[in-house]
Amino acid sequence: MFECQYCDAQFKSEKTIMVHICEPKRRWMNKDEKYSRLAFYAYGRFYELTQAVGNKSFEDFVDFVIRNSVKLDRWCSDSVYETYIQELNRKESADRAVERSILLMQKWGGEYDRPFSRFFKEVSKPLAIHYITSGRLSPWAIFNCDSGAELIDSFSDRELIIINGYLEPHFWTRKFNTRVEDVQFVKMILKKAGI
């Protein structure tokens, strides 16, 4: 008996195993093809990008693109990633969003040797924009404290255009109006943290 080393299928003759092409064997044979290398590069690039979101895993992003039937060659496009970040922000629970944002502020405080409670007052605008557009800083935290609102007010019109698609003020205003208990909880946590 002859056995395929890729799929463990059994064959009676050597001739049969030589012409046998299973999916794992086909992938192995095509591993050096240009399209395979490009697909792997796109996959690896998005692995790096999605790790910046914090505790959100790469598997969550893969689930997102599969659920939304995104073609493999579009996985690395900015529009797909922006949509993913917006969906994460919209669906994340208030407690998880605030926890993630406070952890980011603490990390920032450690890196810049500043108290994390001063984050919204002292973070540079480019870094704040990066944190917002990468989904690391939640609208739950930004819109529910005075210092977050002051940061938003300090942005220029051009900067506001950049972050508006991620912060979606109209969506969050409606959400906050329907989730009053969550808003009170978030405000209490941020106040206790001194933010």
N, C-alpha and C. Protein backbone atom coordinates (compact mmCIF):
# COMPACT_ATOMS: atom_id res chain seq x y z
N MET A 1 0.84 -1.18 0.00
CA MET A 1 0.00 0.00 0.00
C MET A 1 0.89 1.25 0.00
N PHE A 2 0.42 2.23 -0.77
CA PHE A 2 1.12 3.51 -0.83
C PHE A 2 0.22 4.56 -0.18
N GLU A 3 0.82 5.44 0.59
CA GLU A 3 0.04 6.43 1.33
C GLU A 3 0.49 7.84 0.95
N CYS A 4 -0.48 8.72 0.72
CA CYS A 4 -0.19 10.12 0.41
C CYS A 4 0.28 10.80 1.70
N GLN A 5 1.41 11.43 1.65
CA GLN A 5 1.96 12.08 2.84
C GLN A 5 1.21 13.36 3.21
N TYR A 6 0.34 13.84 2.32
CA TYR A 6 -0.40 15.08 2.58
C TYR A 6 -1.79 14.85 3.12
N CYS A 7 -2.46 13.80 2.68
CA CYS A 7 -3.85 13.57 3.12
C CYS A 7 -4.07 12.17 3.71
N ASP A 8 -3.03 11.35 3.76
CA ASP A 8 -3.09 9.99 4.33
C ASP A 8 -4.00 9.03 3.55
N ALA A 9 -4.30 9.37 2.31
CA ALA A 9 -5.11 8.46 1.48
C ALA A 9 -4.25 7.25 1.10
N GLN A 10 -4.90 6.09 0.98
CA GLN A 10 -4.21 4.83 0.67
C GLN A 10 -4.41 4.47 -0.80
N PHE A 11 -3.34 4.00 -1.46
CA PHE A 11 -3.40 3.60 -2.87
C PHE A 11 -2.70 2.25 -3.04
N LYS A 12 -3.22 1.46 -4.00
CA LYS A 12 -2.67 0.13 -4.23
C LYS A 12 -1.42 0.15 -5.10
N SER A 13 -1.34 1.12 -6.02
CA SER A 13 -0.18 1.14 -6.91
C SER A 13 0.56 2.47 -6.82
N GLU A 14 1.82 2.41 -7.14
CA GLU A 14 2.66 3.60 -7.11
C GLU A 14 2.22 4.60 -8.20
N LYS A 15 1.75 4.07 -9.33
CA LYS A 15 1.29 4.91 -10.43
C LYS A 15 0.10 5.77 -9.99
N THR A 16 -0.79 5.21 -9.21
CA THR A 16 -1.98 5.93 -8.76
C THR A 16 -1.60 7.07 -7.81
N ILE A 17 -0.68 6.80 -6.90
CA ILE A 17 -0.29 7.85 -5.96
C ILE A 17 0.45 8.98 -6.67
N MET A 18 1.15 8.66 -7.76
CA MET A 18 1.89 9.68 -8.50
C MET A 18 0.95 10.67 -9.19
N VAL A 19 -0.21 10.23 -9.63
CA VAL A 19 -1.15 11.13 -10.32
C VAL A 19 -2.20 11.70 -9.36
N HIS A 20 -2.18 11.24 -8.14
CA HIS A 20 -3.12 11.72 -7.12
C HIS A 20 -2.81 13.18 -6.76
N ILE A 21 -3.82 14.06 -6.78
CA ILE A 21 -3.67 15.46 -6.40
C ILE A 21 -4.77 15.81 -5.39
N CYS A 22 -4.41 15.85 -4.13
CA CYS A 22 -5.35 16.31 -3.10
C CYS A 22 -5.08 17.80 -2.86
N GLU A 23 -5.97 18.45 -2.14
CA GLU A 23 -5.82 19.89 -1.90
C GLU A 23 -4.52 20.22 -1.16
N PRO A 24 -4.17 19.51 -0.08
CA PRO A 24 -2.90 19.83 0.58
C PRO A 24 -1.69 19.65 -0.35
N LYS A 25 -1.70 18.61 -1.18
CA LYS A 25 -0.58 18.37 -2.10
C LYS A 25 -0.53 19.46 -3.18
N ARG A 26 -1.70 19.87 -3.67
CA ARG A 26 -1.76 20.93 -4.67
C ARG A 26 -1.19 22.23 -4.10
N ARG A 27 -1.56 22.55 -2.85
CA ARG A 27 -1.04 23.76 -2.22
C ARG A 27 0.48 23.69 -2.06
N TRP A 28 0.98 22.52 -1.66
CA TRP A 28 2.43 22.35 -1.51
C TRP A 28 3.14 22.53 -2.85
N MET A 29 2.56 21.99 -3.88
CA MET A 29 3.18 22.09 -5.20
C MET A 29 3.16 23.54 -5.72
N ASN A 30 2.17 24.33 -5.31
CA ASN A 30 2.02 25.70 -5.81
C ASN A 30 2.57 26.75 -4.84
N LYS A 31 3.25 26.34 -3.81
CA LYS A 31 3.68 27.28 -2.78
C LYS A 31 4.60 28.37 -3.28
N ASP A 32 5.32 28.12 -4.33
CA ASP A 32 6.25 29.13 -4.85
C ASP A 32 5.67 29.95 -6.00
N GLU A 33 4.42 29.71 -6.35
CA GLU A 33 3.78 30.48 -7.41
C GLU A 33 3.57 31.92 -6.94
N LYS A 34 3.57 32.86 -7.86
CA LYS A 34 3.45 34.28 -7.53
C LYS A 34 2.16 34.57 -6.76
N TYR A 35 1.04 34.05 -7.20
CA TYR A 35 -0.23 34.34 -6.54
C TYR A 35 -0.26 33.79 -5.12
N SER A 36 0.40 32.67 -4.89
CA SER A 36 0.46 32.10 -3.54
C SER A 36 1.29 32.99 -2.62
N ARG A 37 2.40 33.47 -3.13
CA ARG A 37 3.24 34.34 -2.32
C ARG A 37 2.54 35.66 -2.03
N LEU A 38 1.82 36.22 -3.01
CA LEU A 38 1.09 37.47 -2.79
C LEU A 38 -0.02 37.28 -1.77
N ALA A 39 -0.72 36.17 -1.86
CA ALA A 39 -1.80 35.90 -0.90
C ALA A 39 -1.23 35.75 0.51
N PHE A 40 -0.11 35.07 0.63
CA PHE A 40 0.52 34.92 1.95
C PHE A 40 1.00 36.26 2.47
N TYR A 41 1.56 37.08 1.59
CA TYR A 41 2.00 38.42 2.00
C TYR A 41 0.81 39.24 2.52
N ALA A 42 -0.31 39.22 1.79
CA ALA A 42 -1.50 39.95 2.23
C ALA A 42 -1.99 39.44 3.57
N TYR A 43 -1.99 38.14 3.73
CA TYR A 43 -2.42 37.52 4.99
C TYR A 43 -1.50 37.97 6.13
N GLY A 44 -0.19 37.93 5.90
CA GLY A 44 0.77 38.34 6.92
C GLY A 44 0.68 39.82 7.25
N ARG A 45 0.47 40.63 6.24
CA ARG A 45 0.35 42.08 6.47
C ARG A 45 -0.84 42.41 7.35
N PHE A 46 -1.95 41.78 7.10
CA PHE A 46 -3.11 42.05 7.92
C PHE A 46 -2.99 41.45 9.31
N TYR A 47 -2.22 40.40 9.44
CA TYR A 47 -1.94 39.88 10.78
C TYR A 47 -1.24 40.96 11.61
N GLU A 48 -0.25 41.62 11.01
CA GLU A 48 0.46 42.69 11.70
C GLU A 48 -0.47 43.85 12.05
N LEU A 49 -1.31 44.27 11.10
CA LEU A 49 -2.21 45.39 11.32
C LEU A 49 -3.24 45.11 12.40
N THR A 50 -3.80 43.93 12.39
CA THR A 50 -4.86 43.63 13.34
C THR A 50 -4.34 43.43 14.74
N GLN A 51 -3.05 43.18 14.90
CA GLN A 51 -2.48 43.05 16.24
C GLN A 51 -2.43 44.40 16.93
N ALA A 52 -2.46 45.50 16.17
CA ALA A 52 -2.42 46.84 16.75
C ALA A 52 -3.71 47.21 17.46
N VAL A 53 -4.76 46.49 17.24
CA VAL A 53 -6.05 46.83 17.84
C VAL A 53 -6.06 46.55 19.33
N GLY A 54 -5.14 45.80 19.82
CA GLY A 54 -5.10 45.49 21.23
C GLY A 54 -5.42 44.03 21.44
N ASN A 55 -6.44 43.76 22.24
CA ASN A 55 -6.78 42.38 22.57
C ASN A 55 -7.63 41.71 21.49
N LYS A 56 -7.98 42.43 20.47
CA LYS A 56 -8.73 41.81 19.38
C LYS A 56 -7.79 40.91 18.61
N SER A 57 -8.22 39.74 18.34
CA SER A 57 -7.31 38.78 17.73
C SER A 57 -7.41 38.81 16.21
N PHE A 58 -6.38 38.27 15.62
CA PHE A 58 -6.33 38.15 14.17
C PHE A 58 -7.49 37.29 13.67
N GLU A 59 -7.85 36.29 14.46
CA GLU A 59 -8.94 35.40 14.06
C GLU A 59 -10.26 36.18 13.93
N ASP A 60 -10.45 37.21 14.76
CA ASP A 60 -11.64 38.05 14.65
C ASP A 60 -11.69 38.74 13.30
N PHE A 61 -10.54 39.23 12.84
CA PHE A 61 -10.50 39.88 11.53
C PHE A 61 -10.80 38.87 10.43
N VAL A 62 -10.20 37.70 10.52
CA VAL A 62 -10.45 36.66 9.51
C VAL A 62 -11.93 36.31 9.49
N ASP A 63 -12.54 36.16 10.66
CA ASP A 63 -13.98 35.89 10.73
C ASP A 63 -14.77 37.00 10.04
N PHE A 64 -14.35 38.25 10.28
CA PHE A 64 -15.03 39.39 9.68
C PHE A 64 -14.99 39.34 8.15
N VAL A 65 -13.80 39.12 7.58
CA VAL A 65 -13.70 39.13 6.12
C VAL A 65 -14.41 37.93 5.50
N ILE A 66 -14.42 36.81 6.19
CA ILE A 66 -15.14 35.64 5.67
C ILE A 66 -16.64 35.87 5.76
N ARG A 67 -17.09 36.38 6.89
CA ARG A 67 -18.52 36.65 7.10
C ARG A 67 -19.04 37.65 6.07
N ASN A 68 -18.19 38.59 5.67
CA ASN A 68 -18.59 39.63 4.71
C ASN A 68 -18.19 39.30 3.28
N SER A 69 -17.74 38.08 3.04
CA SER A 69 -17.37 37.59 1.70
C SER A 69 -16.38 38.51 0.99
N VAL A 70 -15.37 38.96 1.72
CA VAL A 70 -14.34 39.82 1.13
C VAL A 70 -13.36 38.94 0.37
N LYS A 71 -13.09 39.31 -0.87
CA LYS A 71 -12.13 38.55 -1.68
C LYS A 71 -10.74 38.66 -1.06
N LEU A 72 -9.97 37.60 -1.18
CA LEU A 72 -8.64 37.53 -0.56
C LEU A 72 -7.75 38.69 -0.97
N ASP A 73 -7.80 39.10 -2.23
CA ASP A 73 -6.92 40.18 -2.67
C ASP A 73 -7.35 41.54 -2.12
N ARG A 74 -8.50 41.63 -1.48
CA ARG A 74 -8.97 42.89 -0.89
C ARG A 74 -8.75 42.95 0.62
N TRP A 75 -8.27 41.86 1.21
CA TRP A 75 -8.07 41.82 2.66
C TRP A 75 -7.13 42.93 3.13
N CYS A 76 -6.17 43.30 2.32
CA CYS A 76 -5.18 44.30 2.75
C CYS A 76 -5.57 45.72 2.35
N SER A 77 -6.78 45.93 1.88
CA SER A 77 -7.18 47.30 1.50
C SER A 77 -7.61 48.08 2.74
N ASP A 78 -7.35 49.36 2.71
CA ASP A 78 -7.69 50.22 3.85
C ASP A 78 -9.18 50.25 4.11
N SER A 79 -9.99 50.23 3.07
CA SER A 79 -11.44 50.32 3.27
C SER A 79 -11.98 49.11 4.03
N VAL A 80 -11.44 47.94 3.77
CA VAL A 80 -11.88 46.74 4.49
C VAL A 80 -11.49 46.85 5.96
N TYR A 81 -10.27 47.29 6.21
CA TYR A 81 -9.81 47.41 7.60
C TYR A 81 -10.59 48.50 8.35
N GLU A 82 -10.89 49.61 7.67
CA GLU A 82 -11.68 50.67 8.30
C GLU A 82 -13.06 50.16 8.68
N THR A 83 -13.67 49.41 7.80
CA THR A 83 -14.99 48.84 8.09
C THR A 83 -14.91 47.88 9.28
N TYR A 84 -13.85 47.11 9.34
CA TYR A 84 -13.64 46.18 10.45
C TYR A 84 -13.53 46.95 11.78
N ILE A 85 -12.74 48.02 11.81
CA ILE A 85 -12.56 48.82 13.02
C ILE A 85 -13.89 49.45 13.43
N GLN A 86 -14.63 49.97 12.46
CA GLN A 86 -15.92 50.58 12.78
C GLN A 86 -16.89 49.56 13.38
N GLU A 87 -16.91 48.36 12.82
CA GLU A 87 -17.77 47.31 13.36
C GLU A 87 -17.34 46.91 14.77
N LEU A 88 -16.04 46.83 15.00
CA LEU A 88 -15.55 46.51 16.34
C LEU A 88 -16.02 47.56 17.34
N ASN A 89 -15.84 48.83 16.99
CA ASN A 89 -16.25 49.91 17.89
C ASN A 89 -17.74 49.86 18.17
N ARG A 90 -18.53 49.62 17.15
CA ARG A 90 -19.98 49.62 17.32
C ARG A 90 -20.49 48.47 18.17
N LYS A 91 -19.88 47.31 18.06
CA LYS A 91 -20.41 46.11 18.72
C LYS A 91 -19.80 45.84 20.09
N GLU A 92 -18.70 46.49 20.41
CA GLU A 92 -18.01 46.21 21.67
C GLU A 92 -18.83 46.71 22.86
N SER A 93 -18.84 45.94 23.92
CA SER A 93 -19.58 46.34 25.13
C SER A 93 -18.90 47.53 25.77
N ALA A 94 -19.67 48.31 26.52
CA ALA A 94 -19.15 49.52 27.15
C ALA A 94 -18.03 49.20 28.13
N ASP A 95 -18.21 48.17 28.95
CA ASP A 95 -17.19 47.86 29.95
C ASP A 95 -15.89 47.41 29.29
N ARG A 96 -15.98 46.62 28.25
CA ARG A 96 -14.78 46.16 27.54
C ARG A 96 -14.09 47.32 26.83
N ALA A 97 -14.87 48.21 26.23
CA ALA A 97 -14.31 49.36 25.52
C ALA A 97 -13.56 50.29 26.47
N VAL A 98 -14.14 50.55 27.64
CA VAL A 98 -13.50 51.44 28.60
C VAL A 98 -12.25 50.77 29.18
N GLU A 99 -12.35 49.48 29.47
CA GLU A 99 -11.18 48.76 29.98
C GLU A 99 -10.02 48.84 28.98
N ARG A 100 -10.32 48.57 27.73
CA ARG A 100 -9.30 48.60 26.68
C ARG A 100 -8.70 50.01 26.55
N SER A 101 -9.54 51.03 26.60
CA SER A 101 -9.06 52.40 26.47
C SER A 101 -8.19 52.81 27.67
N ILE A 102 -8.59 52.43 28.86
CA ILE A 102 -7.80 52.77 30.05
C ILE A 102 -6.46 52.04 30.02
N LEU A 103 -6.46 50.78 29.58
CA LEU A 103 -5.20 50.05 29.45
C LEU A 103 -4.26 50.75 28.46
N LEU A 104 -4.81 51.26 27.37
CA LEU A 104 -4.02 52.01 26.40
C LEU A 104 -3.45 53.27 27.05
N MET A 105 -4.29 53.97 27.81
CA MET A 105 -3.83 55.20 28.47
C MET A 105 -2.72 54.89 29.47
N GLN A 106 -2.86 53.78 30.20
CA GLN A 106 -1.81 53.39 31.15
C GLN A 106 -0.51 53.07 30.42
N LYS A 107 -0.61 52.38 29.30
CA LYS A 107 0.58 52.08 28.50
C LYS A 107 1.23 53.37 28.02
N TRP A 108 0.41 54.30 27.53
CA TRP A 108 0.91 55.60 27.09
C TRP A 108 1.61 56.31 28.25
N GLY A 109 1.00 56.31 29.43
CA GLY A 109 1.59 56.95 30.60
C GLY A 109 2.93 56.35 30.96
N GLY A 110 3.05 55.03 30.85
CA GLY A 110 4.33 54.38 31.12
C GLY A 110 5.39 54.73 30.10
N GLU A 111 5.01 54.79 28.83
CA GLU A 111 5.96 55.11 27.76
C GLU A 111 6.45 56.55 27.82
N TYR A 112 5.56 57.47 28.21
CA TYR A 112 5.90 58.90 28.21
C TYR A 112 6.15 59.45 29.61
N ASP A 113 6.17 58.56 30.60
CA ASP A 113 6.42 58.94 31.99
C ASP A 113 5.49 60.06 32.44
N ARG A 114 4.22 59.87 32.17
CA ARG A 114 3.17 60.83 32.54
C ARG A 114 2.05 60.07 33.23
N PRO A 115 1.29 60.73 34.10
CA PRO A 115 0.13 60.04 34.70
C PRO A 115 -0.91 59.75 33.61
N PHE A 116 -1.43 58.53 33.58
CA PHE A 116 -2.36 58.16 32.51
C PHE A 116 -3.63 59.00 32.55
N SER A 117 -3.96 59.56 33.72
CA SER A 117 -5.17 60.38 33.83
C SER A 117 -5.06 61.67 33.02
N ARG A 118 -3.85 62.02 32.59
CA ARG A 118 -3.63 63.22 31.78
C ARG A 118 -3.62 62.91 30.29
N PHE A 119 -3.97 61.69 29.92
CA PHE A 119 -3.87 61.24 28.54
C PHE A 119 -4.54 62.21 27.56
N PHE A 120 -5.82 62.51 27.74
CA PHE A 120 -6.53 63.35 26.78
C PHE A 120 -5.98 64.77 26.73
N LYS A 121 -5.38 65.23 27.80
CA LYS A 121 -4.85 66.59 27.84
C LYS A 121 -3.44 66.68 27.23
N GLU A 122 -2.68 65.58 27.29
CA GLU A 122 -1.28 65.66 26.90
C GLU A 122 -0.88 64.81 25.69
N VAL A 123 -1.73 63.91 25.25
CA VAL A 123 -1.36 63.08 24.10
C VAL A 123 -1.23 63.97 22.86
N SER A 124 -0.24 63.68 22.04
CA SER A 124 -0.08 64.46 20.82
C SER A 124 -1.24 64.17 19.86
N LYS A 125 -1.60 65.14 19.06
CA LYS A 125 -2.71 64.96 18.14
C LYS A 125 -2.46 63.83 17.14
N PRO A 126 -1.27 63.75 16.53
CA PRO A 126 -1.05 62.64 15.59
C PRO A 126 -1.19 61.27 16.26
N LEU A 127 -0.70 61.14 17.49
CA LEU A 127 -0.81 59.87 18.19
C LEU A 127 -2.27 59.57 18.54
N ALA A 128 -3.00 60.59 18.96
CA ALA A 128 -4.43 60.41 19.26
C ALA A 128 -5.18 59.97 18.00
N ILE A 129 -4.87 60.59 16.88
CA ILE A 129 -5.51 60.21 15.61
C ILE A 129 -5.18 58.76 15.28
N HIS A 130 -3.93 58.38 15.47
CA HIS A 130 -3.53 56.98 15.22
C HIS A 130 -4.31 56.02 16.12
N TYR A 131 -4.41 56.34 17.39
CA TYR A 131 -5.14 55.47 18.32
C TYR A 131 -6.61 55.35 17.93
N ILE A 132 -7.19 56.44 17.48
CA ILE A 132 -8.61 56.42 17.09
C ILE A 132 -8.81 55.62 15.81
N THR A 133 -7.98 55.89 14.80
CA THR A 133 -8.17 55.24 13.51
C THR A 133 -7.76 53.77 13.52
N SER A 134 -6.93 53.37 14.49
CA SER A 134 -6.58 51.95 14.60
C SER A 134 -7.52 51.20 15.52
N GLY A 135 -8.50 51.91 16.08
CA GLY A 135 -9.49 51.26 16.93
C GLY A 135 -9.02 51.01 18.35
N ARG A 136 -7.90 51.57 18.73
CA ARG A 136 -7.36 51.32 20.06
C ARG A 136 -8.00 52.20 21.13
N LEU A 137 -8.55 53.33 20.73
CA LEU A 137 -9.19 54.25 21.67
C LEU A 137 -10.67 54.31 21.32
N SER A 138 -11.50 53.91 22.25
CA SER A 138 -12.92 53.74 21.99
C SER A 138 -13.72 55.05 22.11
N PRO A 139 -14.74 55.20 21.27
CA PRO A 139 -15.66 56.34 21.42
C PRO A 139 -16.35 56.36 22.79
N TRP A 140 -16.51 55.19 23.40
CA TRP A 140 -17.09 55.16 24.75
C TRP A 140 -16.28 56.03 25.70
N ALA A 141 -14.97 55.97 25.63
CA ALA A 141 -14.11 56.75 26.51
C ALA A 141 -14.00 58.20 26.05
N ILE A 142 -13.90 58.42 24.76
CA ILE A 142 -13.69 59.77 24.25
C ILE A 142 -14.89 60.68 24.52
N PHE A 143 -16.08 60.18 24.23
CA PHE A 143 -17.27 61.02 24.31
C PHE A 143 -17.88 61.13 25.71
N ASN A 144 -17.40 60.34 26.65
CA ASN A 144 -18.03 60.33 27.98
C ASN A 144 -17.18 60.93 29.08
N CYS A 145 -16.23 61.77 28.70
CA CYS A 145 -15.49 62.54 29.70
C CYS A 145 -15.17 63.92 29.11
N ASP A 146 -15.04 64.88 30.00
CA ASP A 146 -14.79 66.25 29.54
C ASP A 146 -13.46 66.39 28.81
N SER A 147 -12.44 65.71 29.31
CA SER A 147 -11.12 65.85 28.67
C SER A 147 -11.11 65.22 27.28
N GLY A 148 -11.91 64.17 27.07
CA GLY A 148 -12.03 63.58 25.73
C GLY A 148 -12.71 64.55 24.77
N ALA A 149 -13.76 65.21 25.26
CA ALA A 149 -14.46 66.21 24.43
C ALA A 149 -13.53 67.39 24.12
N GLU A 150 -12.68 67.78 25.09
CA GLU A 150 -11.73 68.87 24.85
C GLU A 150 -10.71 68.47 23.78
N LEU A 151 -10.29 67.21 23.80
CA LEU A 151 -9.36 66.74 22.76
C LEU A 151 -10.01 66.84 21.38
N ILE A 152 -11.25 66.39 21.29
CA ILE A 152 -11.95 66.46 20.00
C ILE A 152 -12.09 67.91 19.55
N ASP A 153 -12.42 68.81 20.49
CA ASP A 153 -12.56 70.23 20.15
C ASP A 153 -11.24 70.84 19.68
N SER A 154 -10.12 70.28 20.12
CA SER A 154 -8.81 70.85 19.75
C SER A 154 -8.36 70.47 18.34
N PHE A 155 -9.03 69.47 17.73
CA PHE A 155 -8.64 69.04 16.39
C PHE A 155 -9.05 70.08 15.34
N SER A 156 -8.23 70.20 14.31
CA SER A 156 -8.57 71.09 13.19
C SER A 156 -9.65 70.41 12.34
N ASP A 157 -10.23 71.17 11.42
CA ASP A 157 -11.25 70.61 10.53
C ASP A 157 -10.70 69.44 9.73
N ARG A 158 -9.47 69.57 9.27
CA ARG A 158 -8.83 68.50 8.48
C ARG A 158 -8.66 67.23 9.32
N GLU A 159 -8.25 67.41 10.57
CA GLU A 159 -8.07 66.26 11.47
C GLU A 159 -9.41 65.62 11.81
N LEU A 160 -10.43 66.44 11.96
CA LEU A 160 -11.77 65.91 12.25
C LEU A 160 -12.30 65.07 11.09
N ILE A 161 -11.98 65.48 9.87
CA ILE A 161 -12.39 64.71 8.68
C ILE A 161 -11.75 63.32 8.73
N ILE A 162 -10.50 63.25 9.16
CA ILE A 162 -9.79 61.97 9.23
C ILE A 162 -10.45 61.03 10.23
N ILE A 163 -10.82 61.56 11.40
CA ILE A 163 -11.33 60.68 12.47
C ILE A 163 -12.84 60.53 12.49
N ASN A 164 -13.54 61.36 11.75
CA ASN A 164 -15.01 61.34 11.80
C ASN A 164 -15.60 59.98 11.43
N GLY A 165 -15.05 59.32 10.43
CA GLY A 165 -15.56 58.01 10.02
C GLY A 165 -15.38 56.94 11.08
N TYR A 166 -14.42 57.14 11.98
CA TYR A 166 -14.17 56.16 13.04
C TYR A 166 -14.98 56.49 14.29
N LEU A 167 -15.18 57.78 14.54
CA LEU A 167 -15.92 58.17 15.74
C LEU A 167 -17.43 58.21 15.52
N GLU A 168 -17.87 58.49 14.31
CA GLU A 168 -19.29 58.48 13.96
C GLU A 168 -20.17 59.13 15.03
N PRO A 169 -20.05 60.44 15.22
CA PRO A 169 -20.78 61.12 16.30
C PRO A 169 -22.30 60.90 16.28
N HIS A 170 -22.91 60.86 15.11
CA HIS A 170 -24.36 60.67 15.05
C HIS A 170 -24.76 59.28 15.57
N PHE A 171 -24.02 58.27 15.18
CA PHE A 171 -24.29 56.90 15.65
C PHE A 171 -24.15 56.83 17.17
N TRP A 172 -23.05 57.41 17.68
CA TRP A 172 -22.80 57.30 19.12
C TRP A 172 -23.77 58.14 19.93
N THR A 173 -24.24 59.25 19.41
CA THR A 173 -25.25 60.04 20.11
C THR A 173 -26.52 59.21 20.29
N ARG A 174 -26.94 58.55 19.22
CA ARG A 174 -28.13 57.68 19.31
C ARG A 174 -27.90 56.52 20.28
N LYS A 175 -26.72 55.91 20.20
CA LYS A 175 -26.43 54.78 21.07
C LYS A 175 -26.41 55.20 22.53
N PHE A 176 -25.80 56.34 22.82
CA PHE A 176 -25.73 56.82 24.20
C PHE A 176 -27.13 57.16 24.73
N ASN A 177 -28.01 57.65 23.86
CA ASN A 177 -29.38 57.96 24.29
C ASN A 177 -30.17 56.71 24.63
N THR A 178 -29.86 55.60 23.98
CA THR A 178 -30.58 54.35 24.25
C THR A 178 -29.91 53.50 25.33
N ARG A 179 -28.67 53.78 25.65
CA ARG A 179 -27.91 52.98 26.64
C ARG A 179 -27.49 53.86 27.82
N VAL A 180 -28.45 54.48 28.47
CA VAL A 180 -28.19 55.45 29.53
C VAL A 180 -27.43 54.82 30.70
N GLU A 181 -27.78 53.60 31.08
CA GLU A 181 -27.09 52.94 32.19
C GLU A 181 -25.61 52.71 31.86
N ASP A 182 -25.34 52.29 30.65
CA ASP A 182 -23.95 52.09 30.24
C ASP A 182 -23.17 53.40 30.27
N VAL A 183 -23.81 54.47 29.82
CA VAL A 183 -23.15 55.79 29.81
C VAL A 183 -22.82 56.20 31.24
N GLN A 184 -23.75 56.00 32.17
CA GLN A 184 -23.50 56.35 33.57
C GLN A 184 -22.36 55.52 34.14
N PHE A 185 -22.33 54.24 33.79
CA PHE A 185 -21.27 53.35 34.25
C PHE A 185 -19.91 53.82 33.72
N VAL A 186 -19.85 54.14 32.43
CA VAL A 186 -18.61 54.60 31.82
C VAL A 186 -18.13 55.90 32.46
N LYS A 187 -19.04 56.83 32.66
CA LYS A 187 -18.67 58.11 33.28
C LYS A 187 -18.14 57.89 34.70
N MET A 188 -18.76 56.97 35.43
CA MET A 188 -18.32 56.68 36.80
C MET A 188 -16.89 56.10 36.78
N ILE A 189 -16.64 55.15 35.88
CA ILE A 189 -15.32 54.52 35.79
C ILE A 189 -14.26 55.56 35.41
N LEU A 190 -14.57 56.39 34.41
CA LEU A 190 -13.60 57.41 33.99
C LEU A 190 -13.35 58.44 35.08
N LYS A 191 -14.38 58.78 35.84
CA LYS A 191 -14.22 59.73 36.94
C LYS A 191 -13.35 59.13 38.04
N LYS A 192 -13.60 57.85 38.37
CA LYS A 192 -12.78 57.19 39.39
C LYS A 192 -11.33 57.07 38.95
N ALA A 193 -11.10 56.94 37.64
CA ALA A 193 -9.74 56.85 37.11
C ALA A 193 -9.08 58.22 37.02
N GLY A 194 -9.86 59.27 37.25
CA GLY A 194 -9.31 60.63 37.20
C GLY A 194 -9.16 61.18 35.80
N ILE A 195 -9.88 60.59 34.89
CA ILE A 195 -9.77 61.01 33.48
C ILE A 195 -10.82 62.07 33.17
